[in-house]
């Protein structure tokens, strides 16, 4: 490594030398390397498995390239999305370890909260960044967890991952997916089909996550056997959910009364996760969001945890982060739309 007045140069080898993994790291026409160059303001040159990186962020670029290379398996190359997520994680505080959240030798839930990965049937889900790791730790160690923040921060996805892992580890007997059906002021009655078919469009993000983690056929079988249950929030009244992992999504669209009703459904052996974005409500004018209200009501209650995400935690396309930041800069409501 050579340091100049304005430039840092890192030269290093990626080992073991493997042409397939190198091709996967670089991407078609070196598009992954170009993405790292653009994001970190560096220049990358390589000959075989020897890399030369120059620029003020050369050290960060080397770390990113090494991490992506170490993760390479067989002929599976890194996608631009994976490169983006790795870069985002490096931009945040990465002070915690990558040990699995569930050490085989320990059943202690506190010990399970030290790492950054969740095992699901179709692979491993990694929590990225300080807030995502805190969020997963809270879910594992508390009975009720709130994940609050803008679109694209992984709130729902990680909640579903925790639910799937808990189900396959036999820590719960079923997964219950709940969502208030008040999109754009519409009501369930206008939709065709039975109850599940009416609610399906509102729960699509959670379905997509389940399909990715478990496979379509397995999810369909679990829904048929009621191991995975979907329900609009209005149909939760009077129930008590035991041995279940319950996820209330889009909770900003609950009223104060609905939120209280949902929270009092939690039974023995159950966990509940509530997700939402208080800047995107579809409630009628004059109605106070139950999610906004509950922050002050139950904060500090034993067994309850909050994780607050912001634009720096967005893990979707880089444009999503810039859009969220633009709305935050205006200080106004982000309006209606895709979460």
Protein backbone atom coordinates (compact mmCIF):
# COMPACT_ATOMS: atom_id res chain seq x y z
CA UNK A 1 0.00 0.00 0.00
CA UNK A 2 1.31 3.41 -0.98
CA UNK A 3 -0.01 6.68 0.44
CA UNK A 4 0.33 9.92 -1.44
CA UNK A 5 -0.86 13.40 -0.61
CA UNK A 6 -4.31 12.84 -2.14
CA UNK A 7 -4.36 9.21 -3.24
CA UNK A 8 -4.28 5.82 -1.59
CA UNK A 9 -3.34 2.70 -3.53
CA UNK A 10 -4.09 -0.85 -2.42
CA UNK A 11 -2.68 -3.87 -4.24
CA UNK A 12 -3.89 -7.30 -3.18
CA UNK A 13 -4.63 -10.84 -4.34
CA UNK A 14 -7.92 -12.64 -3.96
CA UNK A 15 -7.24 -16.23 -2.97
CA UNK A 16 -7.70 -19.00 -3.80
CA UNK A 17 -7.43 -18.03 -7.46
CA UNK A 18 -10.62 -19.22 -9.17
CA UNK A 19 -11.61 -17.92 -12.59
CA UNK A 20 -15.29 -18.76 -12.09
CA UNK A 21 -15.50 -16.86 -8.80
CA UNK A 22 -13.53 -13.96 -10.26
CA UNK A 23 -15.96 -13.73 -13.18
CA UNK A 24 -18.87 -13.80 -10.74
CA UNK A 25 -17.27 -11.05 -8.66
CA UNK A 26 -16.59 -8.75 -11.60
CA UNK A 27 -19.94 -9.34 -13.32
CA UNK A 28 -20.73 -9.13 -17.05
CA UNK A 29 -18.44 -6.56 -18.68
CA UNK A 30 -17.08 -5.76 -15.18
CA UNK A 31 -20.37 -4.10 -14.21
CA UNK A 32 -19.91 -4.95 -10.52
CA UNK A 33 -16.45 -3.37 -10.45
CA UNK A 34 -17.84 -0.28 -12.19
CA UNK A 35 -20.55 -0.03 -9.53
CA UNK A 36 -17.95 -0.14 -6.75
CA UNK A 37 -15.89 2.48 -8.59
CA UNK A 38 -18.86 4.82 -8.99
CA UNK A 39 -20.08 4.47 -5.41
CA UNK A 40 -16.69 4.81 -3.70
CA UNK A 41 -14.93 7.13 -6.16
CA UNK A 42 -12.04 4.74 -6.81
CA UNK A 43 -10.33 3.18 -9.82
CA UNK A 44 -10.02 -0.60 -10.02
CA UNK A 45 -7.55 -2.43 -12.25
CA UNK A 46 -6.94 -6.15 -12.22
CA UNK A 47 -4.83 -8.85 -13.82
CA UNK A 48 -6.15 -12.28 -12.98
CA UNK A 49 -6.72 -12.38 -9.24
CA UNK A 50 -4.40 -9.41 -8.55
CA UNK A 51 -6.27 -6.14 -7.96
CA UNK A 52 -5.01 -2.57 -7.82
CA UNK A 53 -7.40 -0.04 -6.30
CA UNK A 54 -6.61 3.66 -6.13
CA UNK A 55 -8.51 6.48 -4.49
CA UNK A 56 -9.32 7.85 -1.06
CA UNK A 57 -11.68 4.91 -0.36
CA UNK A 58 -9.31 2.22 -1.63
CA UNK A 59 -9.38 0.40 1.70
CA UNK A 60 -13.19 0.28 1.74
CA UNK A 61 -13.23 -0.96 -1.85
CA UNK A 62 -10.77 -3.73 -1.00
CA UNK A 63 -12.97 -4.83 1.91
CA UNK A 64 -16.06 -4.92 -0.33
CA UNK A 65 -14.29 -6.93 -3.03
CA UNK A 66 -12.88 -9.40 -0.52
CA UNK A 67 -16.28 -9.88 1.12
CA UNK A 68 -18.04 -10.46 -2.19
CA UNK A 69 -15.31 -12.85 -3.35
CA UNK A 70 -15.38 -14.84 -0.11
CA UNK A 71 -19.15 -15.18 -0.47
CA UNK A 72 -18.89 -16.53 -4.03
CA UNK A 73 -20.06 -20.14 -4.42
CA UNK A 74 -19.64 -22.23 -7.57
CA UNK A 75 -20.77 -20.39 -10.68
CA UNK A 76 -23.11 -18.04 -8.82
CA UNK A 77 -21.91 -14.53 -9.36
CA UNK A 78 -22.72 -11.42 -7.36
CA UNK A 79 -25.69 -9.46 -8.67
CA UNK A 80 -25.69 -5.64 -8.78
CA UNK A 81 -28.24 -5.79 -5.97
CA UNK A 82 -25.87 -7.78 -3.76
CA UNK A 83 -23.05 -5.35 -4.53
CA UNK A 84 -25.32 -2.44 -3.60
CA UNK A 85 -26.34 -4.07 -0.31
CA UNK A 86 -22.73 -4.82 0.59
CA UNK A 87 -21.77 -1.21 -0.11
CA UNK A 88 -24.70 0.05 1.97
CA UNK A 89 -23.67 -2.15 4.86
CA UNK A 90 -20.10 -0.87 4.68
CA UNK A 91 -21.40 2.71 4.82
CA UNK A 92 -23.07 1.98 8.14
CA UNK A 93 -21.67 0.92 11.47
CA UNK A 94 -20.63 -2.73 11.06
CA UNK A 95 -19.38 -3.26 14.57
CA UNK A 96 -21.18 -6.54 15.31
CA UNK A 97 -20.03 -9.97 14.27
CA UNK A 98 -21.39 -12.23 11.54
CA UNK A 99 -21.84 -15.21 13.83
CA UNK A 100 -25.16 -16.98 13.30
CA UNK A 101 -28.03 -15.71 15.42
CA UNK A 102 -28.71 -19.25 16.62
CA UNK A 103 -25.59 -21.00 17.98
CA UNK A 104 -26.24 -24.73 17.99
CA UNK A 105 -24.79 -25.08 21.47
CA UNK A 106 -27.03 -22.54 23.16
CA UNK A 107 -30.75 -22.14 23.65
CA UNK A 108 -30.33 -18.75 25.27
CA UNK A 109 -32.26 -16.17 23.26
CA UNK A 110 -29.98 -13.37 24.39
CA UNK A 111 -26.98 -15.26 22.97
CA UNK A 112 -28.82 -15.72 19.69
CA UNK A 113 -29.05 -11.98 19.21
CA UNK A 114 -25.36 -11.37 18.70
CA UNK A 115 -25.01 -12.14 15.00
CA UNK A 116 -26.50 -11.25 11.67
CA UNK A 117 -28.06 -14.27 9.98
CA UNK A 118 -31.28 -16.28 9.99
CA UNK A 119 -31.58 -19.80 8.61
CA UNK A 120 -34.62 -20.48 6.44
CA UNK A 121 -35.38 -23.55 4.26
CA UNK A 122 -34.06 -21.92 1.10
CA UNK A 123 -30.89 -20.38 2.49
CA UNK A 124 -29.66 -17.77 4.93
CA UNK A 125 -31.04 -14.27 5.43
CA UNK A 126 -28.49 -11.72 6.63
CA UNK A 127 -29.40 -8.64 8.61
CA UNK A 128 -27.47 -5.71 7.15
CA UNK A 129 -26.42 -2.69 9.12
CA UNK A 130 -26.76 -1.70 12.76
CA UNK A 131 -30.51 -1.08 12.79
CA UNK A 132 -31.40 -4.33 11.00
CA UNK A 133 -29.24 -6.31 13.42
CA UNK A 134 -30.84 -4.55 16.39
CA UNK A 135 -34.28 -5.25 14.89
CA UNK A 136 -33.59 -8.99 14.56
CA UNK A 137 -32.12 -9.13 18.09
CA UNK A 138 -35.26 -7.45 19.42
CA UNK A 139 -37.53 -9.92 17.62
CA UNK A 140 -35.59 -12.88 19.01
CA UNK A 141 -35.41 -11.64 22.58
CA UNK A 142 -38.70 -9.76 23.09
CA UNK A 143 -42.33 -10.82 22.90
CA UNK A 144 -43.42 -7.67 21.06
CA UNK A 145 -41.26 -5.73 18.61
CA UNK A 146 -42.06 -2.62 16.60
CA UNK A 147 -40.18 -1.88 13.37
CA UNK A 148 -40.91 1.69 12.27
CA UNK A 149 -39.42 3.47 9.27
CA UNK A 150 -39.60 4.23 5.55
CA UNK A 151 -40.09 1.91 2.61
CA UNK A 152 -37.28 -0.45 1.64
CA UNK A 153 -35.62 -0.84 5.03
CA UNK A 154 -36.38 -4.57 5.37
CA UNK A 155 -38.92 -4.34 8.20
CA UNK A 156 -41.45 -6.81 6.79
CA UNK A 157 -38.91 -9.06 5.08
CA UNK A 158 -36.88 -9.64 8.24
CA UNK A 159 -40.01 -10.16 10.33
CA UNK A 160 -41.14 -12.88 7.91
CA UNK A 161 -37.64 -14.44 8.00
CA UNK A 162 -37.76 -14.59 11.80
CA UNK A 163 -41.25 -16.13 11.63
CA UNK A 164 -40.19 -18.80 9.11
CA UNK A 165 -37.13 -19.71 11.14
CA UNK A 166 -39.16 -19.91 14.36
CA UNK A 167 -41.72 -22.16 12.66
CA UNK A 168 -39.11 -24.57 11.32
CA UNK A 169 -37.32 -24.64 14.68
CA UNK A 170 -40.65 -25.58 16.33
CA UNK A 171 -40.60 -22.53 18.56
CA UNK A 172 -44.08 -21.64 17.28
CA UNK A 173 -46.84 -23.75 15.75
CA UNK A 174 -48.09 -21.29 13.16
CA UNK A 175 -47.58 -17.95 11.47
CA UNK A 176 -50.39 -15.37 11.41
CA UNK A 177 -50.15 -12.51 8.90
CA UNK A 178 -52.35 -9.52 9.63
CA UNK A 179 -52.87 -6.27 7.78
CA UNK A 180 -55.45 -3.47 7.98
CA UNK A 181 -57.37 -3.43 4.71
CA UNK A 182 -57.91 0.28 4.27
CA UNK A 183 -55.79 0.99 1.19
CA UNK A 184 -56.92 4.24 -0.46
CA UNK A 185 -60.10 4.17 1.63
CA UNK A 186 -61.40 1.01 -0.06
CA UNK A 187 -63.18 -1.81 1.76
CA UNK A 188 -62.93 -5.56 1.39
CA UNK A 189 -66.51 -5.96 0.28
CA UNK A 190 -65.92 -4.66 -3.25
CA UNK A 191 -63.36 -7.42 -3.97
CA UNK A 192 -64.46 -10.76 -5.45
CA UNK A 193 -63.82 -14.12 -3.81
CA UNK A 194 -63.72 -15.53 -0.30
CA UNK A 195 -62.01 -13.92 2.69
CA UNK A 196 -58.51 -15.16 1.83
CA UNK A 197 -58.86 -14.00 -1.78
CA UNK A 198 -60.09 -10.59 -0.64
CA UNK A 199 -57.12 -10.13 1.69
CA UNK A 200 -54.47 -11.54 -0.68
CA UNK A 201 -53.68 -8.26 -2.49
CA UNK A 202 -52.98 -6.53 0.81
CA UNK A 203 -50.63 -9.28 2.00
CA UNK A 204 -48.72 -9.71 -1.25
CA UNK A 205 -45.37 -8.39 0.13
CA UNK A 206 -45.44 -11.00 2.90
CA UNK A 207 -46.48 -13.75 0.47
CA UNK A 208 -43.56 -12.85 -1.80
CA UNK A 209 -41.14 -13.12 1.11
CA UNK A 210 -42.61 -16.48 2.15
CA UNK A 211 -42.33 -17.87 -1.40
CA UNK A 212 -38.69 -16.78 -1.57
CA UNK A 213 -37.79 -18.36 1.76
CA UNK A 214 -39.90 -21.54 1.66
CA UNK A 215 -40.99 -22.17 -1.92
CA UNK A 216 -44.44 -21.81 -3.47
CA UNK A 217 -45.59 -25.40 -2.93
CA UNK A 218 -44.66 -25.48 0.76
CA UNK A 219 -46.34 -22.14 1.45
CA UNK A 220 -49.50 -23.34 -0.34
CA UNK A 221 -49.58 -26.53 1.78
CA UNK A 222 -49.09 -24.58 5.01
CA UNK A 223 -51.88 -22.17 4.11
CA UNK A 224 -54.18 -25.09 3.30
CA UNK A 225 -53.39 -26.68 6.69
CA UNK A 226 -53.77 -23.30 8.45
CA UNK A 227 -50.14 -23.39 9.62
CA UNK A 228 -49.87 -20.05 7.84
CA UNK A 229 -52.98 -17.94 8.34
CA UNK A 230 -53.87 -14.66 6.70
CA UNK A 231 -56.43 -12.31 8.18
CA UNK A 232 -57.56 -8.70 7.93
CA UNK A 233 -57.14 -6.86 11.21
CA UNK A 234 -60.90 -6.40 11.60
CA UNK A 235 -61.33 -10.19 11.94
CA UNK A 236 -58.90 -10.48 14.88
CA UNK A 237 -61.33 -9.26 17.52
CA UNK A 238 -62.15 -11.82 20.20
CA UNK A 239 -59.25 -14.13 19.36
CA UNK A 240 -56.32 -15.20 21.55
CA UNK A 241 -53.24 -16.32 19.62
CA UNK A 242 -51.11 -18.91 21.45
CA UNK A 243 -47.86 -20.47 20.18
CA UNK A 244 -47.96 -18.21 17.13
CA UNK A 245 -45.70 -15.77 15.36
CA UNK A 246 -47.95 -12.84 14.49
CA UNK A 247 -46.96 -10.06 12.08
CA UNK A 248 -49.05 -6.89 11.76
CA UNK A 249 -47.89 -5.13 8.59
CA UNK A 250 -48.70 -1.56 7.48
CA UNK A 251 -49.67 -0.74 11.05
CA UNK A 252 -49.74 2.98 10.33
CA UNK A 253 -53.22 2.30 8.88
CA UNK A 254 -54.63 1.09 12.20
CA UNK A 255 -56.75 3.28 14.42
CA UNK A 256 -55.94 3.64 18.11
CA UNK A 257 -58.73 1.19 18.96
CA UNK A 258 -57.56 -1.36 16.40
CA UNK A 259 -53.97 -1.24 17.66
CA UNK A 260 -55.09 -1.82 21.25
CA UNK A 261 -57.28 -4.70 20.08
CA UNK A 262 -54.41 -6.31 18.19
CA UNK A 263 -51.88 -6.01 21.01
CA UNK A 264 -54.26 -7.68 23.44
CA UNK A 265 -54.55 -10.73 21.15
CA UNK A 266 -51.02 -11.93 22.03
CA UNK A 267 -51.21 -15.29 23.79
CA UNK A 268 -48.82 -17.63 25.61
CA UNK A 269 -45.77 -18.79 23.66
CA UNK A 270 -46.34 -16.16 20.97
CA UNK A 271 -44.30 -13.38 19.45
CA UNK A 272 -45.70 -10.34 17.69
CA UNK A 273 -43.99 -7.96 15.28
CA UNK A 274 -45.61 -4.70 14.22
CA UNK A 275 -44.24 -2.87 11.18
CA UNK A 276 -45.15 0.39 9.52
CA UNK A 277 -44.20 3.85 8.35
CA UNK A 278 -45.88 6.70 10.22
CA UNK A 279 -45.32 9.04 7.24
CA UNK A 280 -47.55 6.94 4.94
CA UNK A 281 -51.06 6.65 6.33
CA UNK A 282 -54.23 5.93 4.38
CA UNK A 283 -56.61 6.62 7.24
CA UNK A 284 -59.52 9.04 6.75
CA UNK A 285 -58.82 12.66 7.57
CA UNK A 286 -58.97 13.30 11.28
CA UNK A 287 -58.14 9.73 12.32
CA UNK A 288 -55.00 9.34 14.43
CA UNK A 289 -52.70 6.47 13.45
CA UNK A 290 -52.61 3.73 16.05
CA UNK A 291 -48.93 3.19 15.26
CA UNK A 292 -48.02 6.80 15.95
CA UNK A 293 -50.07 6.73 19.18
CA UNK A 294 -48.70 3.43 20.51
CA UNK A 295 -45.09 4.65 20.46
CA UNK A 296 -45.78 6.85 23.49
CA UNK A 297 -48.15 4.39 25.16
CA UNK A 298 -46.04 1.22 25.40
CA UNK A 299 -42.51 2.55 25.11
CA UNK A 300 -40.69 1.42 28.21
CA UNK A 301 -43.08 -1.46 28.90
CA UNK A 302 -41.14 -4.62 29.81
CA UNK A 303 -40.98 -7.12 26.95
CA UNK A 304 -41.57 -4.46 24.27
CA UNK A 305 -38.84 -3.18 21.92
CA UNK A 306 -38.75 -0.51 19.21
CA UNK A 307 -36.39 -0.21 16.24
CA UNK A 308 -36.56 3.01 14.25
CA UNK A 309 -35.23 2.97 10.69
CA UNK A 310 -34.36 5.94 8.50
CA UNK A 311 -33.30 6.61 4.92
CA UNK A 312 -29.78 5.36 5.64
CA UNK A 313 -31.23 1.88 6.20
CA UNK A 314 -32.91 1.58 2.79
CA UNK A 315 -31.72 -1.62 1.10
CA UNK A 316 -33.62 -1.36 -2.18
CA UNK A 317 -32.42 0.30 -5.39
CA UNK A 318 -30.22 3.35 -4.61
CA UNK A 319 -32.91 5.56 -6.17
CA UNK A 320 -35.34 4.55 -3.40
CA UNK A 321 -32.94 5.87 -0.77
CA UNK A 322 -32.60 9.17 -2.63
CA UNK A 323 -36.39 9.49 -2.94
CA UNK A 324 -36.88 8.85 0.79
CA UNK A 325 -34.18 11.42 1.59
CA UNK A 326 -35.86 13.96 -0.69
CA UNK A 327 -39.16 13.55 1.16
CA UNK A 328 -37.40 13.73 4.52
CA UNK A 329 -35.73 16.97 3.43
CA UNK A 330 -39.15 18.44 2.66
CA UNK A 331 -40.32 17.39 6.11
CA UNK A 332 -43.76 16.39 4.84
CA UNK A 333 -45.85 13.28 4.51
CA UNK A 334 -44.58 10.87 1.86
CA UNK A 335 -48.13 10.33 0.69
CA UNK A 336 -49.83 7.21 -0.48
CA UNK A 337 -48.15 4.55 -2.51
CA UNK A 338 -46.03 1.43 -2.53
CA UNK A 339 -44.39 0.49 0.79
